[in-house]
Amino acid sequence: MAKKGRKALWDELNIPDRLEAVKGWALEGSTDVEMMEMLGVKKDTFYQWKKDKPEFSDAIKKGRFESNGEILNSAFKQTTGYFVEVE
């Protein structure tokens, strides 16, 4: 009978259920280092996941893409004189 080893950190930290949080952190502008700290993983692990786990790298990319879109939209509005009246 094969000896069972330690669960992979990916599974131990339940990362598949945390991908929306990862996307949200990226959307809020969190850096890779900040996300590493929030997940409690080391640099090598984080970058290995980005390389080997497409769902992980996609969550980060989607969050950053949405964030960049919001920034560009805001910059466009500022340069074209868009304003909002507050009552």
C-alpha atoms as a PDB file:
ATOM      1  CA  MET A   1       0.000   0.000   0.000  1.00  0.00           C
ATOM      2  CA  ALA A   2       1.363   3.411  -0.973  1.00  0.00           C
ATOM      3  CA  LYS A   3       2.120   5.842   1.801  1.00  0.00           C
ATOM      4  CA  LYS A   4      -0.011   8.969   1.678  1.00  0.00           C
ATOM      5  CA  GLY A   5       1.928  12.194   1.679  1.00  0.00           C
ATOM      6  CA  ARG A   6       1.033  15.719   2.539  1.00  0.00           C
ATOM      7  CA  LYS A   7      -1.741  17.358   0.544  1.00  0.00           C
ATOM      8  CA  ALA A   8      -0.538  19.747  -2.142  1.00  0.00           C
ATOM      9  CA  LEU A   9      -0.502  23.352  -0.900  1.00  0.00           C
ATOM     10  CA  TRP A  10      -2.897  24.265  -3.742  1.00  0.00           C
ATOM     11  CA  ASP A  11      -5.457  21.884  -2.233  1.00  0.00           C
ATOM     12  CA  GLU A  12      -4.528  22.557   1.375  1.00  0.00           C
ATOM     13  CA  LEU A  13      -5.253  26.279   0.911  1.00  0.00           C
ATOM     14  CA  ASN A  14      -8.333  25.484  -1.202  1.00  0.00           C
ATOM     15  CA  ILE A  15      -7.201  27.849  -3.943  1.00  0.00           C
ATOM     16  CA  PRO A  16      -9.897  26.813  -6.472  1.00  0.00           C
ATOM     17  CA  ASP A  17     -12.518  28.254  -4.095  1.00  0.00           C
ATOM     18  CA  ARG A  18     -10.450  31.412  -3.616  1.00  0.00           C
ATOM     19  CA  LEU A  19     -10.005  32.343  -7.289  1.00  0.00           C
ATOM     20  CA  GLU A  20     -12.732  35.014  -7.130  1.00  0.00           C
ATOM     21  CA  ALA A  21     -10.883  36.594  -4.213  1.00  0.00           C
ATOM     22  CA  VAL A  22      -7.635  36.490  -6.208  1.00  0.00           C
ATOM     23  CA  LYS A  23      -9.407  38.154  -9.138  1.00  0.00           C
ATOM     24  CA  GLY A  24     -10.820  40.787  -6.775  1.00  0.00           C
ATOM     25  CA  TRP A  25      -7.389  41.511  -5.318  1.00  0.00           C
ATOM     26  CA  ALA A  26      -6.005  41.983  -8.821  1.00  0.00           C
ATOM     27  CA  LEU A  27      -8.962  44.224  -9.677  1.00  0.00           C
ATOM     28  CA  GLU A  28      -8.201  46.355  -6.617  1.00  0.00           C
ATOM     29  CA  GLY A  29      -4.624  46.770  -7.806  1.00  0.00           C
ATOM     30  CA  SER A  30      -2.867  44.356  -5.469  1.00  0.00           C
ATOM     31  CA  THR A  31       0.663  43.469  -6.510  1.00  0.00           C
ATOM     32  CA  ASP A  32       1.938  39.917  -6.808  1.00  0.00           C
ATOM     33  CA  VAL A  33       3.813  40.393  -3.525  1.00  0.00           C
ATOM     34  CA  GLU A  34       0.639  41.545  -1.757  1.00  0.00           C
ATOM     35  CA  MET A  35      -1.290  38.567  -3.132  1.00  0.00           C
ATOM     36  CA  MET A  36       1.480  36.204  -2.000  1.00  0.00           C
ATOM     37  CA  GLU A  37       1.128  37.607   1.507  1.00  0.00           C
ATOM     38  CA  MET A  38      -2.675  37.349   1.466  1.00  0.00           C
ATOM     39  CA  LEU A  39      -2.476  33.729   0.320  1.00  0.00           C
ATOM     40  CA  GLY A  40       0.388  32.943   2.683  1.00  0.00           C
ATOM     41  CA  VAL A  41       2.637  31.472  -0.001  1.00  0.00           C
ATOM     42  CA  LYS A  42       6.212  32.051  -1.048  1.00  0.00           C
ATOM     43  CA  LYS A  43       7.330  33.684  -4.285  1.00  0.00           C
ATOM     44  CA  ASP A  44       8.368  30.403  -5.937  1.00  0.00           C
ATOM     45  CA  THR A  45       4.996  28.799  -5.194  1.00  0.00           C
ATOM     46  CA  PHE A  46       3.041  31.815  -6.446  1.00  0.00           C
ATOM     47  CA  TYR A  47       4.916  31.979  -9.745  1.00  0.00           C
ATOM     48  CA  GLN A  48       4.758  28.208 -10.179  1.00  0.00           C
ATOM     49  CA  TRP A  49       0.977  28.394  -9.841  1.00  0.00           C
ATOM     50  CA  LYS A  50       0.848  31.242 -12.368  1.00  0.00           C
ATOM     51  CA  LYS A  51       2.801  29.008 -14.751  1.00  0.00           C
ATOM     52  CA  ASP A  52       1.098  25.655 -14.084  1.00  0.00           C
ATOM     53  CA  LYS A  53      -2.459  26.584 -13.097  1.00  0.00           C
ATOM     54  CA  PRO A  54      -4.233  28.419 -15.934  1.00  0.00           C
ATOM     55  CA  GLU A  55      -7.246  29.130 -13.727  1.00  0.00           C
ATOM     56  CA  PHE A  56      -4.972  30.974 -11.289  1.00  0.00           C
ATOM     57  CA  SER A  57      -3.187  33.074 -13.895  1.00  0.00           C
ATOM     58  CA  ASP A  58      -6.531  33.768 -15.639  1.00  0.00           C
ATOM     59  CA  ALA A  59      -8.064  35.081 -12.405  1.00  0.00           C
ATOM     60  CA  ILE A  60      -5.164  37.510 -12.009  1.00  0.00           C
ATOM     61  CA  LYS A  61      -5.235  38.539 -15.680  1.00  0.00           C
ATOM     62  CA  LYS A  62      -9.011  39.113 -15.671  1.00  0.00           C
ATOM     63  CA  GLY A  63      -8.840  41.214 -12.518  1.00  0.00           C
ATOM     64  CA  ARG A  64      -6.027  43.342 -13.887  1.00  0.00           C
ATOM     65  CA  PHE A  65      -7.741  43.677 -17.281  1.00  0.00           C
ATOM     66  CA  GLU A  66     -10.941  44.961 -15.653  1.00  0.00           C
ATOM     67  CA  SER A  67      -8.947  47.298 -13.428  1.00  0.00           C
ATOM     68  CA  ASN A  68      -7.012  48.709 -16.375  1.00  0.00           C
ATOM     69  CA  GLY A  69     -10.273  49.235 -18.264  1.00  0.00           C
ATOM     70  CA  GLU A  70     -11.724  51.211 -15.377  1.00  0.00           C
ATOM     71  CA  ILE A  71      -8.586  53.350 -15.154  1.00  0.00           C
ATOM     72  CA  LEU A  72      -8.611  54.047 -18.889  1.00  0.00           C
ATOM     73  CA  ASN A  73     -12.315  54.909 -18.794  1.00  0.00           C
ATOM     74  CA  SER A  74     -11.755  57.283 -15.900  1.00  0.00           C
ATOM     75  CA  ALA A  75      -8.790  58.936 -17.628  1.00  0.00           C
ATOM     76  CA  PHE A  76     -10.838  59.345 -20.817  1.00  0.00           C
ATOM     77  CA  LYS A  77     -13.658  60.990 -18.911  1.00  0.00           C
ATOM     78  CA  GLN A  78     -11.246  63.389 -17.213  1.00  0.00           C
ATOM     79  CA  THR A  79      -9.585  64.409 -20.456  1.00  0.00           C
ATOM     80  CA  THR A  80     -12.888  64.969 -22.248  1.00  0.00           C
ATOM     81  CA  GLY A  81     -14.386  67.118 -19.490  1.00  0.00           C
ATOM     82  CA  TYR A  82     -16.874  64.622 -18.078  1.00  0.00           C
ATOM     83  CA  PHE A  83     -18.297  65.620 -14.718  1.00  0.00           C
ATOM     84  CA  VAL A  84     -21.110  64.594 -12.399  1.00  0.00           C
ATOM     85  CA  GLU A  85     -23.334  66.954 -10.445  1.00  0.00           C
ATOM     86  CA  VAL A  86     -23.909  65.924  -6.860  1.00  0.00           C
ATOM     87  CA  GLU A  87     -27.095  67.199  -5.258  1.00  0.00           C
END
